[in-house]
């Protein structure tokens, strides 16, 4: 059975960045990804750029999945965007709560991702395959693991088709989360989010802000390399390839790569896994 792969990008801010991302997509196309997803800034701050990249991906003949967050948005603005997506032939959406931009006080008319999923279903029926987020190490704002799990189930019950997790480096956390979700009656695919490691300092900053744990043994090893970029890259490739191997061997339905608009590490991991 073929492992379904997908890749995530963020919308570039410059024309040069757009061209670079086009070249990255051309290289990643060898993976035959199920879709390329494109992030959506806090409060919809990258709405136009996200749409431009998504339309670019569609023109290239790939399936595109725009992220759509509801925080700071109105039903009318989301309805209009859904209409644009449908008109462009887009069939998949990553539906998220999202974050409020700094200084913005209005959370908008839809406050939670389950409300967004419900709204998309009400407006568009089964037109879109809806992805939602899952947090194997729990959402940093959740009051408890149980609350976070129930929040996830609400998104599924509202009509989500599959889920993509926050990245993690502890396979036990993913397996535990999936087991608990299944015990609640959740049957949709829960696809592991994979973050290749090119820079430990950047990874540490990301992880501190999003609540993804870097296991102590990994952190100490990375720290021991100091500024040795080659050793950091080599160790990161070994760690992430091993993680992916274990996940696939234990039944993960696919892999979703957070590429950071780069191709080299994702392609090398896929080669090591004999997926290309």
Protein backbone atom coordinates (compact mmCIF):
# COMPACT_ATOMS: atom_id res chain seq x y z
CA UNK A 1 0.00 0.00 0.00
CA UNK A 2 1.40 3.38 -1.03
CA UNK A 3 2.25 5.80 1.78
CA UNK A 4 0.44 9.08 1.17
CA UNK A 5 2.75 12.05 1.49
CA UNK A 6 1.89 15.74 1.66
CA UNK A 7 3.92 18.91 2.09
CA UNK A 8 3.24 22.26 3.72
CA UNK A 9 4.45 25.70 2.60
CA UNK A 10 4.02 29.25 3.85
CA UNK A 11 3.19 32.07 1.41
CA UNK A 12 6.37 33.96 0.42
CA UNK A 13 6.53 37.72 0.96
CA UNK A 14 8.52 38.60 -2.17
CA UNK A 15 8.45 37.83 -5.90
CA UNK A 16 11.84 36.14 -5.47
CA UNK A 17 10.38 33.95 -2.74
CA UNK A 18 7.49 32.98 -5.02
CA UNK A 19 9.94 31.90 -7.73
CA UNK A 20 12.04 29.94 -5.22
CA UNK A 21 8.97 28.16 -3.90
CA UNK A 22 7.99 27.20 -7.46
CA UNK A 23 11.40 25.55 -7.86
CA UNK A 24 10.99 23.76 -4.50
CA UNK A 25 7.59 22.40 -5.56
CA UNK A 26 9.03 21.14 -8.83
CA UNK A 27 11.60 19.12 -6.87
CA UNK A 28 9.07 17.83 -4.34
CA UNK A 29 6.73 16.72 -7.14
CA UNK A 30 8.82 13.52 -7.38
CA UNK A 31 7.11 12.46 -4.12
CA UNK A 32 3.75 12.46 -5.96
CA UNK A 33 2.19 14.16 -2.93
CA UNK A 34 -1.51 13.83 -2.25
CA UNK A 35 -1.57 17.62 -1.82
CA UNK A 36 0.48 20.69 -1.06
CA UNK A 37 -0.95 22.80 1.78
CA UNK A 38 -0.39 26.53 2.27
CA UNK A 39 -0.55 28.28 5.65
CA UNK A 40 -2.76 31.24 6.50
CA UNK A 41 -1.42 34.01 8.73
CA UNK A 42 -2.91 35.02 12.07
CA UNK A 43 -6.30 36.64 11.61
CA UNK A 44 -6.13 35.99 7.86
CA UNK A 45 -3.15 38.34 7.50
CA UNK A 46 -1.75 36.40 4.52
CA UNK A 47 -5.14 35.71 2.90
CA UNK A 48 -4.30 37.11 -0.55
CA UNK A 49 -0.80 35.62 -0.67
CA UNK A 50 -2.11 32.25 0.49
CA UNK A 51 -4.70 32.29 -2.30
CA UNK A 52 -2.08 33.28 -4.90
CA UNK A 53 0.17 30.34 -3.96
CA UNK A 54 -2.77 27.94 -3.90
CA UNK A 55 -3.87 29.03 -7.38
CA UNK A 56 -0.27 28.67 -8.58
CA UNK A 57 -0.17 25.08 -7.25
CA UNK A 58 -3.48 24.27 -8.96
CA UNK A 59 -2.20 25.66 -12.28
CA UNK A 60 0.81 23.37 -12.01
CA UNK A 61 -1.54 20.38 -11.86
CA UNK A 62 -1.10 19.56 -8.16
CA UNK A 63 -3.83 19.34 -5.52
CA UNK A 64 -3.70 22.37 -3.24
CA UNK A 65 -5.08 22.64 0.29
CA UNK A 66 -5.29 26.18 1.66
CA UNK A 67 -5.30 26.66 5.40
CA UNK A 68 -8.32 28.58 6.60
CA UNK A 69 -8.55 30.01 10.11
CA UNK A 70 -11.68 31.52 11.59
CA UNK A 71 -10.30 33.78 14.35
CA UNK A 72 -10.80 37.44 13.42
CA UNK A 73 -13.07 36.56 10.48
CA UNK A 74 -16.79 36.98 9.76
CA UNK A 75 -19.09 34.35 8.30
CA UNK A 76 -19.45 36.52 5.19
CA UNK A 77 -15.69 36.76 4.64
CA UNK A 78 -15.27 33.00 5.09
CA UNK A 79 -18.23 32.35 2.78
CA UNK A 80 -16.62 34.54 0.11
CA UNK A 81 -13.30 32.74 0.44
CA UNK A 82 -14.98 29.33 0.19
CA UNK A 83 -16.60 30.55 -3.02
CA UNK A 84 -13.18 31.54 -4.40
CA UNK A 85 -11.76 28.14 -3.48
CA UNK A 86 -14.65 26.31 -5.16
CA UNK A 87 -14.35 28.44 -8.29
CA UNK A 88 -10.64 27.57 -8.47
CA UNK A 89 -11.38 23.84 -8.32
CA UNK A 90 -9.96 23.37 -4.83
CA UNK A 91 -11.33 20.29 -3.06
CA UNK A 92 -9.40 20.22 0.22
CA UNK A 93 -9.13 22.69 3.13
CA UNK A 94 -7.12 22.66 6.36
CA UNK A 95 -9.60 24.18 8.84
CA UNK A 96 -8.05 25.81 11.92
CA UNK A 97 -9.01 28.11 14.74
CA UNK A 98 -5.93 30.25 14.17
CA UNK A 99 -4.39 32.95 16.33
CA UNK A 100 -5.32 36.59 16.77
CA UNK A 101 -2.68 38.99 15.45
CA UNK A 102 -1.01 41.05 18.18
CA UNK A 103 -3.21 43.99 19.13
CA UNK A 104 -6.41 42.63 17.57
CA UNK A 105 -9.22 42.31 20.10
CA UNK A 106 -12.07 40.93 17.96
CA UNK A 107 -12.06 37.13 17.81
CA UNK A 108 -14.64 37.16 15.01
CA UNK A 109 -17.95 35.36 14.60
CA UNK A 110 -16.56 31.81 14.79
CA UNK A 111 -14.36 31.15 17.82
CA UNK A 112 -13.34 27.51 17.48
CA UNK A 113 -12.24 25.15 14.72
CA UNK A 114 -15.26 22.87 15.21
CA UNK A 115 -17.51 25.87 14.47
CA UNK A 116 -15.53 26.54 11.29
CA UNK A 117 -15.80 22.90 10.18
CA UNK A 118 -19.55 22.95 10.85
CA UNK A 119 -19.89 26.20 8.87
CA UNK A 120 -17.92 24.83 5.88
CA UNK A 121 -20.12 21.72 5.83
CA UNK A 122 -23.31 23.80 6.05
CA UNK A 123 -22.20 26.11 3.23
CA UNK A 124 -20.58 23.63 0.85
CA UNK A 125 -21.83 20.14 1.76
CA UNK A 126 -19.29 17.47 0.85
CA UNK A 127 -17.42 19.56 -1.73
CA UNK A 128 -14.32 19.90 0.45
CA UNK A 129 -12.20 17.26 2.12
CA UNK A 130 -11.61 18.94 5.50
CA UNK A 131 -8.38 18.45 7.42
CA UNK A 132 -8.13 19.55 11.05
CA UNK A 133 -5.25 19.84 13.49
CA UNK A 134 -4.36 17.33 16.21
CA UNK A 135 -1.91 17.74 19.10
CA UNK A 136 -0.25 14.51 20.32
CA UNK A 137 1.52 16.47 23.09
CA UNK A 138 -1.61 18.57 23.72
CA UNK A 139 -2.39 22.09 22.62
CA UNK A 140 -0.38 24.57 24.71
CA UNK A 141 -3.57 26.47 25.63
CA UNK A 142 -5.59 23.40 26.64
CA UNK A 143 -6.49 23.20 30.32
CA UNK A 144 -5.97 19.43 30.37
CA UNK A 145 -5.21 16.52 28.03
CA UNK A 146 -8.82 15.36 28.36
CA UNK A 147 -10.17 18.76 27.37
CA UNK A 148 -7.90 18.85 24.34
CA UNK A 149 -8.95 15.37 23.28
CA UNK A 150 -12.64 16.32 23.54
CA UNK A 151 -11.96 19.48 21.52
CA UNK A 152 -10.42 17.29 18.83
CA UNK A 153 -13.45 14.97 18.84
CA UNK A 154 -15.75 17.99 18.43
CA UNK A 155 -13.93 18.90 15.21
CA UNK A 156 -14.31 15.34 13.95
CA UNK A 157 -18.00 15.22 14.88
CA UNK A 158 -18.53 18.53 13.06
CA UNK A 159 -17.47 16.87 9.81
CA UNK A 160 -13.67 16.63 9.53
CA UNK A 161 -12.41 13.97 7.10
CA UNK A 162 -8.86 13.59 8.42
CA UNK A 163 -6.36 15.23 10.77
CA UNK A 164 -2.75 16.38 10.59
CA UNK A 165 -0.78 16.51 13.82
CA UNK A 166 1.54 19.13 15.19
CA UNK A 167 5.09 17.90 14.69
CA UNK A 168 6.62 15.76 17.43
CA UNK A 169 9.73 13.66 18.04
CA UNK A 170 8.23 11.20 20.52
CA UNK A 171 6.43 8.42 18.66
CA UNK A 172 4.86 7.22 21.92
CA UNK A 173 2.99 10.53 22.21
CA UNK A 174 1.45 10.04 18.76
CA UNK A 175 0.53 6.42 19.41
CA UNK A 176 -1.01 7.31 22.78
CA UNK A 177 -3.03 10.15 21.25
CA UNK A 178 -4.32 7.98 18.40
CA UNK A 179 -5.25 5.23 20.86
CA UNK A 180 -7.20 7.65 23.06
CA UNK A 181 -8.96 9.16 20.04
CA UNK A 182 -9.95 5.70 18.80
CA UNK A 183 -11.30 4.86 22.27
CA UNK A 184 -13.62 7.88 21.91
CA UNK A 185 -14.92 6.56 18.61
CA UNK A 186 -12.77 8.71 16.29
CA UNK A 187 -12.15 6.75 13.08
CA UNK A 188 -10.69 9.35 10.68
CA UNK A 189 -7.02 9.10 9.58
CA UNK A 190 -4.65 10.96 11.92
CA UNK A 191 -1.56 11.81 9.86
CA UNK A 192 1.72 12.58 11.66
CA UNK A 193 3.19 16.01 11.01
CA UNK A 194 6.94 15.72 10.36
CA UNK A 195 9.42 18.57 10.87
CA UNK A 196 12.82 17.94 9.25
CA UNK A 197 15.65 19.51 11.25
CA UNK A 198 18.00 21.86 9.46
CA UNK A 199 18.75 24.27 12.29
CA UNK A 200 18.55 23.38 15.97
CA UNK A 201 18.26 27.02 17.10
CA UNK A 202 15.24 27.58 14.83
CA UNK A 203 13.69 24.30 15.93
CA UNK A 204 14.10 25.24 19.60
CA UNK A 205 12.34 28.58 19.00
CA UNK A 206 9.46 26.92 17.12
CA UNK A 207 9.08 24.23 19.75
CA UNK A 208 9.06 26.65 22.68
CA UNK A 209 6.25 28.63 21.07
CA UNK A 210 4.04 25.73 19.90
CA UNK A 211 4.49 23.27 22.75
CA UNK A 212 6.22 20.52 20.74
CA UNK A 213 8.74 18.74 22.97
CA UNK A 214 12.35 18.20 21.95
CA UNK A 215 13.35 15.16 24.05
CA UNK A 216 16.23 15.85 26.41
CA UNK A 217 18.55 13.32 24.76
CA UNK A 218 18.03 15.02 21.40
CA UNK A 219 18.42 18.52 22.79
CA UNK A 220 21.70 17.69 24.56
CA UNK A 221 23.11 16.03 21.45
CA UNK A 222 22.22 19.00 19.27
CA UNK A 223 23.67 21.42 21.81
CA UNK A 224 26.92 19.43 21.85
CA UNK A 225 27.44 20.18 18.15
CA UNK A 226 27.54 23.94 18.74
CA UNK A 227 27.79 25.66 15.34
CA UNK A 228 28.69 22.49 13.43
CA UNK A 229 25.89 22.73 10.85
CA UNK A 230 26.87 19.51 9.05
CA UNK A 231 26.69 17.42 12.24
CA UNK A 232 23.36 19.01 13.20
CA UNK A 233 21.94 18.24 9.77
CA UNK A 234 23.24 14.65 9.76
CA UNK A 235 21.93 13.91 13.26
CA UNK A 236 18.60 15.54 12.44
CA UNK A 237 18.20 13.39 9.33
CA UNK A 238 18.93 10.22 11.32
CA UNK A 239 16.45 11.15 14.06
CA UNK A 240 13.60 12.14 11.76
CA UNK A 241 14.09 9.21 9.38
CA UNK A 242 14.02 6.81 12.33
CA UNK A 243 10.86 8.46 13.65
CA UNK A 244 9.13 8.16 10.27
CA UNK A 245 10.21 4.53 9.91
CA UNK A 246 8.70 3.63 13.28
CA UNK A 247 5.47 5.52 12.56
CA UNK A 248 4.97 3.81 9.21
CA UNK A 249 5.83 0.37 10.58
CA UNK A 250 3.19 0.86 13.27
CA UNK A 251 0.45 1.85 10.87
CA UNK A 252 0.55 5.63 10.42
CA UNK A 253 -1.61 6.43 7.37
CA UNK A 254 0.88 8.84 5.81
CA UNK A 255 3.38 11.63 6.49
CA UNK A 256 2.83 15.39 6.27
CA UNK A 257 6.11 17.32 5.93
CA UNK A 258 6.50 20.84 7.30
CA UNK A 259 9.01 21.86 4.64
CA UNK A 260 9.63 25.51 5.63
CA UNK A 261 9.68 26.10 1.85
CA UNK A 262 12.74 23.87 1.40
CA UNK A 263 13.06 20.55 -0.46
CA UNK A 264 16.45 19.01 0.40
CA UNK A 265 15.74 17.48 3.81
CA UNK A 266 12.26 16.22 2.95
CA UNK A 267 13.56 14.54 -0.20
CA UNK A 268 16.49 12.95 1.64
CA UNK A 269 14.19 11.53 4.33
CA UNK A 270 11.85 10.15 1.64
CA UNK A 271 14.84 8.55 -0.15
CA UNK A 272 16.03 6.92 3.05
CA UNK A 273 12.53 5.56 3.61
CA UNK A 274 12.55 4.24 0.02
CA UNK A 275 9.44 6.27 -0.75
CA UNK A 276 11.04 7.56 -3.97
